[in-house]
Amino acid sequence: MRLRSLAAALLAATSLVFASMAVPATAAASPPTDGGVLTPQVVGGTPAPAYSFSGSLQTLSGSHFCGASVVHPRWAVTARHCVQGRSPSSMRLRVGSNNRTSGGALVSVTSVATHPTNDLAVIGLTTVPSAYLPVVIAATSGPVGTSTRIMGWGQTCPTPGGCGAPVQLQQLNTSIVADGSCAGIVGATEICTGNPGGVAGACYGDSGGPQVKTVGGAWHLVGATSRSGGGSACAVAPSIYVDVPALRPWIQGVTGLPL
């Protein structure tokens, strides 16, 4: 999973730019019991279990183009560049499955709201079934050194178009690193995320997907996959994620909910 315009690069490899009614809140999604140990394979991730909140944004024909995180039964967050130029009726979200072609639940997109300056969007959904718990938005993303996990259906090889999106979700353990490691980062609203071993990280098709950390035994959302640092190739350098907790006030304004 490298980063650049992760979704756009699936269609245009030269691009570097990697949307109501209140429903009662549900319990926090718990981490799968995999021991938290991952070997390098997202580029460099490993096949992942199903996460109740992780979604594959798709065309109506089922083609994956971005990831998303369900934060409420009627709302999800993704990258702005994933949904720009797309109407709600042209998209759907498969949620709660580690297979982008089957399982989980298919949910229609009802609305799209894009942040005016940051690479973040909120998408309205028809109700996600209660079996698929939303992820809690973290209080803060955390300091340098915070352990996180990223996941997505982006390329598992660094060459644009060199391999298609995997059918099974991929995941990778990483951590927050100093902003200075990510050229072009907006420090107040973005997160610089490391690339383990210099060869692992998000890639084309991972855009919009979750970056999470554990808090009290549950996953909390800290980031949404945005782009590579300084336009570098997938996984060869730290990548940039939108800091979702930092944009909580805007998300609350869109949804009308105290997320």
Protein backbone atom coordinates (compact mmCIF):
# COMPACT_ATOMS: atom_id res chain seq x y z
CA MET A 1 0.00 0.00 0.00
CA ARG A 2 2.08 3.08 -0.90
CA LEU A 3 0.55 6.40 -0.90
CA ARG A 4 0.44 9.08 -3.60
CA SER A 5 -3.00 9.82 -4.93
CA LEU A 6 -3.75 6.29 -3.87
CA ALA A 7 -7.11 5.93 -5.52
CA ALA A 8 -6.48 8.14 -8.50
CA ALA A 9 -3.28 6.33 -9.30
CA LEU A 10 -5.20 3.16 -10.02
CA LEU A 11 -6.73 5.00 -12.96
CA ALA A 12 -3.91 7.43 -13.71
CA ALA A 13 -0.51 6.33 -12.50
CA THR A 14 1.01 9.72 -12.99
CA SER A 15 -1.29 11.43 -10.49
CA LEU A 16 0.15 12.26 -7.09
CA VAL A 17 -3.07 13.29 -5.38
CA PHE A 18 -3.60 9.93 -3.47
CA ALA A 19 -19.01 12.33 1.11
CA SER A 20 -29.58 12.72 8.71
CA MET A 21 -30.78 10.93 11.12
CA ALA A 22 -29.12 10.17 14.44
CA VAL A 23 -28.72 6.52 15.35
CA PRO A 24 -27.74 5.41 18.86
CA ALA A 25 -24.02 4.99 19.30
CA THR A 26 -22.65 1.46 19.45
CA ALA A 27 -19.81 -0.13 21.36
CA ALA A 28 -16.22 0.36 20.28
CA ALA A 29 -14.83 -2.14 17.82
CA SER A 30 -12.34 -4.48 19.45
CA PRO A 31 -9.02 -5.53 17.90
CA PRO A 32 -8.95 -9.00 16.38
CA THR A 33 -7.03 -11.49 18.48
CA ASP A 34 -4.08 -11.94 16.14
CA GLY A 35 -1.50 -11.06 18.75
CA GLY A 36 -0.76 -7.73 17.09
CA VAL A 37 2.30 -9.16 15.34
CA LEU A 38 2.69 -8.53 11.62
CA THR A 39 5.49 -9.46 9.30
CA PRO A 40 6.49 -7.05 6.55
CA GLN A 41 4.17 -7.63 3.27
CA VAL A 42 -0.02 -3.12 1.99
CA VAL A 43 3.24 -2.81 0.20
CA GLY A 44 4.86 -4.97 2.89
CA GLY A 45 1.71 -5.89 4.79
CA THR A 46 0.00 -9.16 5.65
CA PRO A 47 -3.46 -10.54 4.92
CA ALA A 48 -5.85 -9.07 7.47
CA PRO A 49 -8.90 -10.34 9.33
CA ALA A 50 -12.21 -8.57 8.87
CA TYR A 51 -12.58 -5.26 10.71
CA SER A 52 -16.16 -4.22 11.41
CA PHE A 53 -15.47 -0.58 10.52
CA SER A 54 -13.19 -0.96 7.51
CA GLY A 55 -14.86 -0.37 4.17
CA SER A 56 -14.12 -0.66 0.47
CA LEU A 57 -15.53 2.23 -1.55
CA GLN A 58 -16.65 0.83 -4.87
CA THR A 59 -18.36 1.71 -8.09
CA LEU A 60 -21.81 0.19 -8.52
CA SER A 61 -20.22 -2.55 -10.62
CA GLY A 62 -18.02 -3.53 -7.67
CA SER A 63 -14.67 -2.00 -8.65
CA HIS A 64 -12.70 -0.93 -5.57
CA PHE A 65 -11.20 2.55 -5.71
CA CYS A 66 -10.65 3.69 -2.09
CA GLY A 67 -10.93 2.77 1.55
CA ALA A 68 -13.14 4.31 4.23
CA SER A 69 -13.81 4.06 7.97
CA VAL A 70 -17.32 3.76 9.40
CA VAL A 71 -17.57 6.11 12.40
CA HIS A 72 -21.34 5.82 12.92
CA PRO A 73 -24.04 3.57 11.43
CA ARG A 74 -24.91 6.36 9.00
CA TRP A 75 -21.51 7.98 8.43
CA ALA A 76 -18.02 7.14 7.22
CA VAL A 77 -14.86 9.14 6.57
CA THR A 78 -12.52 8.84 3.60
CA ALA A 79 -10.07 10.98 1.63
CA ARG A 80 -11.47 13.99 -0.20
CA HIS A 81 -9.66 13.10 -3.41
CA CYS A 82 -11.45 9.73 -3.40
CA VAL A 83 -14.89 11.24 -3.86
CA GLN A 84 -14.29 14.49 -5.74
CA GLY A 85 -16.22 14.40 -9.00
CA ARG A 86 -18.30 11.41 -7.91
CA SER A 87 -21.99 11.55 -7.11
CA PRO A 88 -23.31 9.63 -4.08
CA SER A 89 -25.48 7.49 -6.35
CA SER A 90 -22.38 6.27 -8.22
CA MET A 91 -20.78 4.70 -5.14
CA ARG A 92 -21.37 1.99 -2.59
CA LEU A 93 -19.48 0.81 0.48
CA ARG A 94 -18.73 -2.80 1.35
CA VAL A 95 -18.14 -2.86 5.08
CA GLY A 96 -17.16 -5.49 7.62
CA SER A 97 -15.44 -7.92 5.26
CA ASN A 98 -11.79 -8.61 4.54
CA ASN A 99 -12.78 -9.59 0.99
CA ARG A 100 -13.58 -6.69 -1.32
CA THR A 101 -15.74 -8.92 -3.54
CA SER A 102 -17.94 -10.68 -0.98
CA GLY A 103 -19.10 -10.80 2.63
CA GLY A 104 -19.94 -8.06 5.06
CA ALA A 105 -22.66 -5.63 4.02
CA LEU A 106 -23.15 -3.48 0.93
CA VAL A 107 -24.36 -0.02 1.92
CA SER A 108 -25.51 2.78 -0.36
CA VAL A 109 -23.91 6.23 -0.20
CA THR A 110 -26.48 8.97 0.36
CA SER A 111 -24.37 12.14 0.60
CA VAL A 112 -20.85 13.49 0.28
CA ALA A 113 -19.26 16.42 2.12
CA THR A 114 -15.67 17.44 1.40
CA HIS A 115 -13.43 19.50 3.66
CA PRO A 116 -12.57 22.86 2.07
CA THR A 117 -8.82 22.65 2.67
CA ASN A 118 -7.91 19.16 3.92
CA ASP A 119 -7.95 15.79 2.16
CA LEU A 120 -10.93 14.50 4.13
CA ALA A 121 -14.54 13.74 3.27
CA VAL A 122 -17.57 12.55 5.20
CA ILE A 123 -19.97 10.27 3.38
CA GLY A 124 -23.55 9.63 4.45
CA LEU A 125 -24.78 6.05 4.36
CA THR A 126 -27.96 4.07 4.51
CA THR A 127 -27.80 2.38 7.89
CA VAL A 128 -24.89 -0.04 8.40
CA PRO A 129 -26.20 -3.25 10.04
CA SER A 130 -25.67 -3.31 13.81
CA ALA A 131 -23.37 -6.34 13.51
CA TYR A 132 -20.67 -4.05 12.09
CA LEU A 133 -19.50 -1.76 14.87
CA PRO A 134 -18.19 1.71 13.99
CA VAL A 135 -14.72 2.78 15.04
CA VAL A 136 -14.32 5.46 17.70
CA ILE A 137 -12.49 8.60 16.62
CA ALA A 138 -9.50 8.92 18.95
CA ALA A 139 -9.22 11.86 21.33
CA THR A 140 -5.90 12.72 19.66
CA SER A 141 -3.69 11.06 17.09
CA GLY A 142 -0.84 10.85 19.58
CA PRO A 143 2.81 11.90 19.77
CA VAL A 144 5.76 10.72 17.72
CA GLY A 145 6.32 7.04 18.46
CA THR A 146 2.64 6.15 18.78
CA SER A 147 2.06 2.64 17.43
CA THR A 148 -0.59 2.46 14.71
CA ARG A 149 -1.95 0.02 12.16
CA ILE A 150 -2.90 0.80 8.57
CA MET A 151 -5.05 -1.32 6.28
CA GLY A 152 -6.45 -1.35 2.78
CA TRP A 153 -6.93 -3.00 -0.59
CA GLY A 154 -4.26 -0.99 -2.39
CA GLN A 155 -1.49 -2.39 -4.55
CA THR A 156 0.97 -4.71 -2.85
CA CYS A 157 3.76 -3.78 -5.27
CA PRO A 158 5.29 -0.32 -5.75
CA THR A 159 5.10 -0.02 -9.54
CA PRO A 160 2.01 1.93 -10.69
CA GLY A 161 -0.30 -0.60 -12.31
CA GLY A 162 2.23 -3.35 -11.66
CA CYS A 163 -0.29 -5.41 -9.74
CA GLY A 164 -4.01 -5.10 -9.17
CA ALA A 165 -5.82 -4.52 -5.91
CA PRO A 166 -5.67 -7.63 -3.71
CA VAL A 167 -8.95 -9.39 -3.01
CA GLN A 168 -8.09 -9.77 0.67
CA LEU A 169 -7.56 -6.78 2.94
CA GLN A 170 -3.92 -6.10 3.85
CA GLN A 171 -2.62 -4.60 7.10
CA LEU A 172 0.66 -3.25 8.43
CA ASN A 173 1.88 -2.17 11.85
CA THR A 174 3.69 1.15 11.80
CA SER A 175 4.07 4.28 13.93
CA ILE A 176 3.81 8.05 13.91
CA VAL A 177 7.11 9.74 13.04
CA ALA A 178 8.30 13.34 13.09
CA ASP A 179 6.62 15.74 10.66
CA GLY A 180 10.02 16.59 9.24
CA SER A 181 10.15 13.12 7.66
CA CYS A 182 7.20 13.96 5.37
CA ALA A 183 7.84 16.68 2.80
CA GLY A 184 4.80 18.84 2.21
CA ILE A 185 2.93 17.83 5.36
CA VAL A 186 0.47 20.20 7.05
CA GLY A 187 1.47 19.47 10.62
CA ALA A 188 -1.63 20.78 12.36
CA THR A 189 -4.02 18.51 10.49
CA GLU A 190 -1.89 15.69 9.09
CA ILE A 191 0.13 12.75 10.43
CA CYS A 192 3.51 11.57 9.19
CA THR A 193 3.52 7.78 9.31
CA GLY A 194 6.63 5.64 9.06
CA ASN A 195 7.50 3.03 6.45
CA PRO A 196 8.88 -0.01 8.32
CA GLY A 197 12.23 -1.14 7.00
CA GLY A 198 12.04 1.52 4.30
CA VAL A 199 10.03 -0.86 2.12
CA ALA A 200 6.49 -0.98 3.53
CA GLY A 201 3.51 1.36 3.50
CA ALA A 202 0.31 2.40 1.76
CA CYS A 203 -0.01 2.38 -2.02
CA TYR A 204 -2.39 3.06 -4.90
CA GLY A 205 -5.93 2.14 -3.85
CA ASP A 206 -5.35 2.55 -0.10
CA SER A 207 -6.46 6.19 -0.07
CA GLY A 208 -9.10 7.04 2.50
CA GLY A 209 -8.53 3.87 4.49
CA PRO A 210 -8.05 3.66 8.26
CA GLN A 211 -5.05 4.32 10.43
CA VAL A 212 -5.90 3.11 13.93
CA LYS A 213 -4.37 2.68 17.36
CA THR A 214 -5.51 0.71 20.39
CA VAL A 215 -6.98 2.49 23.40
CA GLY A 216 -8.24 0.41 26.29
CA GLY A 217 -8.38 -2.73 24.17
CA ALA A 218 -10.36 -1.16 21.31
CA TRP A 219 -9.43 0.34 17.98
CA HIS A 220 -9.58 4.12 17.76
CA LEU A 221 -9.30 5.98 14.46
CA VAL A 222 -6.43 8.44 14.10
CA GLY A 223 -5.90 8.84 10.37
CA ALA A 224 -7.23 8.54 6.83
CA THR A 225 -4.72 7.58 4.13
CA SER A 226 -3.89 10.61 1.98
CA ARG A 227 -0.62 10.59 0.00
CA SER A 228 3.10 9.93 -0.05
CA GLY A 229 5.46 12.41 1.54
CA GLY A 230 6.80 14.77 -1.09
CA GLY A 231 5.30 12.69 -3.90
CA SER A 232 7.70 9.81 -3.35
CA ALA A 233 6.98 6.33 -4.64
CA CYS A 234 4.94 3.88 -2.58
CA ALA A 235 6.54 2.64 0.64
CA VAL A 236 10.02 4.07 0.05
CA ALA A 237 9.44 6.97 2.46
CA PRO A 238 7.02 7.90 5.26
CA SER A 239 3.50 8.74 4.14
CA ILE A 240 0.92 11.38 5.02
CA TYR A 241 -2.43 10.67 6.66
CA VAL A 242 -5.17 13.16 7.48
CA ASP A 243 -5.39 13.67 11.26
CA VAL A 244 -9.03 12.73 11.84
CA PRO A 245 -9.18 13.78 15.53
CA ALA A 246 -7.83 17.22 14.58
CA LEU A 247 -10.76 17.67 12.19
CA ARG A 248 -13.39 16.39 14.63
CA PRO A 249 -15.20 19.78 14.87
CA TRP A 250 -15.76 19.79 11.11
CA ILE A 251 -16.95 16.16 11.15
CA GLN A 252 -19.37 16.99 13.96
CA GLY A 253 -20.66 19.95 11.98
CA VAL A 254 -21.38 17.77 8.95
CA THR A 255 -23.00 14.91 10.84
CA GLY A 256 -24.66 16.85 13.65
CA LEU A 257 -23.35 14.20 16.03
CA PRO A 258 -20.89 14.31 18.97
CA LEU A 259 -18.48 11.86 17.36
